[in-house]
């Protein structure tokens, strides 16, 4: 996968990945979920088939399918529900109130 990998390493924006793999997308979805989509794509790649043993067209197609799946996750769901990042995993669906956050600030604890 070295040629494909080298090409992907040059990308920095979610749109570059989506365009390269010809995944249709709504800019509004990407604007809100770009990091979540890329993180989920990376998770799918890590759990997916070994791409190194595949020919280049099959590698591209596999990546295209996994990226489309990652994008679709956030069309149908929310970052909080998908829990891609640790902050959402730790929250476990609980809401944290503003008063609770304020009370946890170091300056508040020192005075209180």
C-alpha atoms as a PDB file:
ATOM      1  CA  UNK A   1       0.000   0.000   0.000  1.00  0.00           C
ATOM      2  CA  UNK A   2       3.009   2.268  -0.042  1.00  0.00           C
ATOM      3  CA  UNK A   3       1.974   4.364  -3.049  1.00  0.00           C
ATOM      4  CA  UNK A   4      -1.547   4.883  -1.728  1.00  0.00           C
ATOM      5  CA  UNK A   5      -0.246   5.487   1.793  1.00  0.00           C
ATOM      6  CA  UNK A   6       2.188   8.147   0.554  1.00  0.00           C
ATOM      7  CA  UNK A   7      -0.627   9.884  -1.260  1.00  0.00           C
ATOM      8  CA  UNK A   8      -2.853   9.827   1.841  1.00  0.00           C
ATOM      9  CA  UNK A   9      -0.085  11.179   4.061  1.00  0.00           C
ATOM     10  CA  UNK A  10      -0.167  14.414   2.059  1.00  0.00           C
ATOM     11  CA  UNK A  11      -3.798  15.072   2.962  1.00  0.00           C
ATOM     12  CA  UNK A  12      -4.722  17.170   5.953  1.00  0.00           C
ATOM     13  CA  UNK A  13      -8.406  18.003   5.466  1.00  0.00           C
ATOM     14  CA  UNK A  14     -11.345  15.616   5.596  1.00  0.00           C
ATOM     15  CA  UNK A  15     -12.493  17.014   2.270  1.00  0.00           C
ATOM     16  CA  UNK A  16      -9.246  15.886   0.642  1.00  0.00           C
ATOM     17  CA  UNK A  17      -9.878  12.300   1.745  1.00  0.00           C
ATOM     18  CA  UNK A  18     -13.527  12.418   0.712  1.00  0.00           C
ATOM     19  CA  UNK A  19     -12.697  13.911  -2.687  1.00  0.00           C
ATOM     20  CA  UNK A  20      -9.842  11.469  -3.333  1.00  0.00           C
ATOM     21  CA  UNK A  21     -12.042   8.468  -2.540  1.00  0.00           C
ATOM     22  CA  UNK A  22     -14.982  10.030  -4.393  1.00  0.00           C
ATOM     23  CA  UNK A  23     -17.288   9.893  -1.382  1.00  0.00           C
ATOM     24  CA  UNK A  24     -20.172  12.332  -1.885  1.00  0.00           C
ATOM     25  CA  UNK A  25     -20.636  14.546   1.149  1.00  0.00           C
ATOM     26  CA  UNK A  26     -22.565  17.478   2.523  1.00  0.00           C
ATOM     27  CA  UNK A  27     -20.238  20.272   3.598  1.00  0.00           C
ATOM     28  CA  UNK A  28     -22.412  20.982   6.649  1.00  0.00           C
ATOM     29  CA  UNK A  29     -21.895  17.416   7.922  1.00  0.00           C
ATOM     30  CA  UNK A  30     -18.142  17.623   7.371  1.00  0.00           C
ATOM     31  CA  UNK A  31     -17.895  21.049   9.032  1.00  0.00           C
ATOM     32  CA  UNK A  32     -19.312  19.661  12.270  1.00  0.00           C
ATOM     33  CA  UNK A  33     -17.833  16.149  12.192  1.00  0.00           C
ATOM     34  CA  UNK A  34     -14.538  16.287  10.278  1.00  0.00           C
ATOM     35  CA  UNK A  35     -12.317  14.973  13.067  1.00  0.00           C
ATOM     36  CA  UNK A  36     -14.862  12.352  14.071  1.00  0.00           C
ATOM     37  CA  UNK A  37     -15.126  11.089  10.489  1.00  0.00           C
ATOM     38  CA  UNK A  38     -11.355  10.804  10.095  1.00  0.00           C
ATOM     39  CA  UNK A  39     -10.926   9.147  13.490  1.00  0.00           C
ATOM     40  CA  UNK A  40     -13.663   6.606  12.695  1.00  0.00           C
ATOM     41  CA  UNK A  41     -12.067   5.980   9.257  1.00  0.00           C
ATOM     42  CA  UNK A  42      -8.787   5.276  11.022  1.00  0.00           C
ATOM     43  CA  UNK A  43     -10.562   2.892  13.428  1.00  0.00           C
ATOM     44  CA  UNK A  44     -12.143   1.047  10.516  1.00  0.00           C
ATOM     45  CA  UNK A  45      -8.759   0.794   8.809  1.00  0.00           C
ATOM     46  CA  UNK A  46      -7.201  -0.622  11.979  1.00  0.00           C
ATOM     47  CA  UNK A  47      -9.937  -3.241  12.367  1.00  0.00           C
ATOM     48  CA  UNK A  48     -10.329  -3.938   8.662  1.00  0.00           C
ATOM     49  CA  UNK A  49      -8.534  -6.261   6.310  1.00  0.00           C
ATOM     50  CA  UNK A  50      -4.769  -6.130   5.885  1.00  0.00           C
ATOM     51  CA  UNK A  51      -4.430  -3.746   2.965  1.00  0.00           C
ATOM     52  CA  UNK A  52      -0.775  -4.569   2.361  1.00  0.00           C
ATOM     53  CA  UNK A  53      -1.679  -7.891   0.781  1.00  0.00           C
ATOM     54  CA  UNK A  54      -4.141  -6.347  -1.671  1.00  0.00           C
ATOM     55  CA  UNK A  55      -3.486  -4.901  -5.100  1.00  0.00           C
ATOM     56  CA  UNK A  56      -3.706  -1.118  -5.393  1.00  0.00           C
ATOM     57  CA  UNK A  57      -7.211  -0.903  -6.940  1.00  0.00           C
ATOM     58  CA  UNK A  58      -8.567  -3.177  -4.198  1.00  0.00           C
ATOM     59  CA  UNK A  59      -6.796  -1.100  -1.537  1.00  0.00           C
ATOM     60  CA  UNK A  60      -8.396   2.052  -2.937  1.00  0.00           C
ATOM     61  CA  UNK A  61     -11.839   0.448  -3.100  1.00  0.00           C
ATOM     62  CA  UNK A  62     -11.537  -0.892   0.452  1.00  0.00           C
ATOM     63  CA  UNK A  63     -10.510   2.535   1.757  1.00  0.00           C
ATOM     64  CA  UNK A  64     -13.319   4.162  -0.208  1.00  0.00           C
ATOM     65  CA  UNK A  65     -15.881   1.821   1.351  1.00  0.00           C
ATOM     66  CA  UNK A  66     -14.522   2.355   4.872  1.00  0.00           C
ATOM     67  CA  UNK A  67     -14.447   6.148   4.493  1.00  0.00           C
ATOM     68  CA  UNK A  68     -17.990   6.167   3.103  1.00  0.00           C
ATOM     69  CA  UNK A  69     -19.050   4.062   6.089  1.00  0.00           C
ATOM     70  CA  UNK A  70     -17.305   6.432   8.523  1.00  0.00           C
ATOM     71  CA  UNK A  71     -18.943   9.457   6.906  1.00  0.00           C
ATOM     72  CA  UNK A  72     -22.332   7.723   6.972  1.00  0.00           C
ATOM     73  CA  UNK A  73     -22.000   7.083  10.700  1.00  0.00           C
ATOM     74  CA  UNK A  74     -22.126  10.830  11.295  1.00  0.00           C
ATOM     75  CA  UNK A  75     -24.886  11.491   8.804  1.00  0.00           C
ATOM     76  CA  UNK A  76     -27.115   9.091  10.733  1.00  0.00           C
ATOM     77  CA  UNK A  77     -25.851   9.791  14.242  1.00  0.00           C
ATOM     78  CA  UNK A  78     -24.041  12.309  16.446  1.00  0.00           C
ATOM     79  CA  UNK A  79     -20.503  12.504  17.823  1.00  0.00           C
ATOM     80  CA  UNK A  80     -21.851  12.006  21.350  1.00  0.00           C
ATOM     81  CA  UNK A  81     -23.705   8.861  20.326  1.00  0.00           C
ATOM     82  CA  UNK A  82     -20.824   7.444  18.282  1.00  0.00           C
ATOM     83  CA  UNK A  83     -18.264   8.049  21.065  1.00  0.00           C
ATOM     84  CA  UNK A  84     -15.218   8.136  18.807  1.00  0.00           C
ATOM     85  CA  UNK A  85     -13.180  10.337  21.134  1.00  0.00           C
ATOM     86  CA  UNK A  86     -12.363   9.629  24.776  1.00  0.00           C
ATOM     87  CA  UNK A  87     -14.220  12.687  26.063  1.00  0.00           C
ATOM     88  CA  UNK A  88     -17.485  11.184  24.782  1.00  0.00           C
ATOM     89  CA  UNK A  89     -16.592   7.717  26.070  1.00  0.00           C
ATOM     90  CA  UNK A  90     -15.892   9.086  29.564  1.00  0.00           C
ATOM     91  CA  UNK A  91     -19.094  11.136  29.666  1.00  0.00           C
ATOM     92  CA  UNK A  92     -21.122   7.939  29.100  1.00  0.00           C
ATOM     93  CA  UNK A  93     -24.204   9.919  28.157  1.00  0.00           C
ATOM     94  CA  UNK A  94     -24.171  12.091  31.258  1.00  0.00           C
ATOM     95  CA  UNK A  95     -24.592  15.819  30.958  1.00  0.00           C
ATOM     96  CA  UNK A  96     -22.306  18.095  32.888  1.00  0.00           C
ATOM     97  CA  UNK A  97     -23.932  21.280  34.093  1.00  0.00           C
ATOM     98  CA  UNK A  98     -22.297  24.697  33.848  1.00  0.00           C
ATOM     99  CA  UNK A  99     -22.465  25.168  37.635  1.00  0.00           C
ATOM    100  CA  UNK A 100     -20.643  21.874  38.106  1.00  0.00           C
ATOM    101  CA  UNK A 101     -17.897  22.989  35.706  1.00  0.00           C
ATOM    102  CA  UNK A 102     -17.568  26.342  37.460  1.00  0.00           C
ATOM    103  CA  UNK A 103     -17.289  24.654  40.841  1.00  0.00           C
ATOM    104  CA  UNK A 104     -14.468  22.473  39.557  1.00  0.00           C
ATOM    105  CA  UNK A 105     -12.289  25.410  38.503  1.00  0.00           C
ATOM    106  CA  UNK A 106      -9.138  25.739  40.642  1.00  0.00           C
ATOM    107  CA  UNK A 107      -9.818  29.401  41.419  1.00  0.00           C
ATOM    108  CA  UNK A 108     -13.238  28.515  42.847  1.00  0.00           C
ATOM    109  CA  UNK A 109     -11.902  25.729  45.033  1.00  0.00           C
ATOM    110  CA  UNK A 110      -9.201  27.922  46.562  1.00  0.00           C
ATOM    111  CA  UNK A 111     -11.653  30.633  47.562  1.00  0.00           C
ATOM    112  CA  UNK A 112     -14.456  28.360  48.689  1.00  0.00           C
END
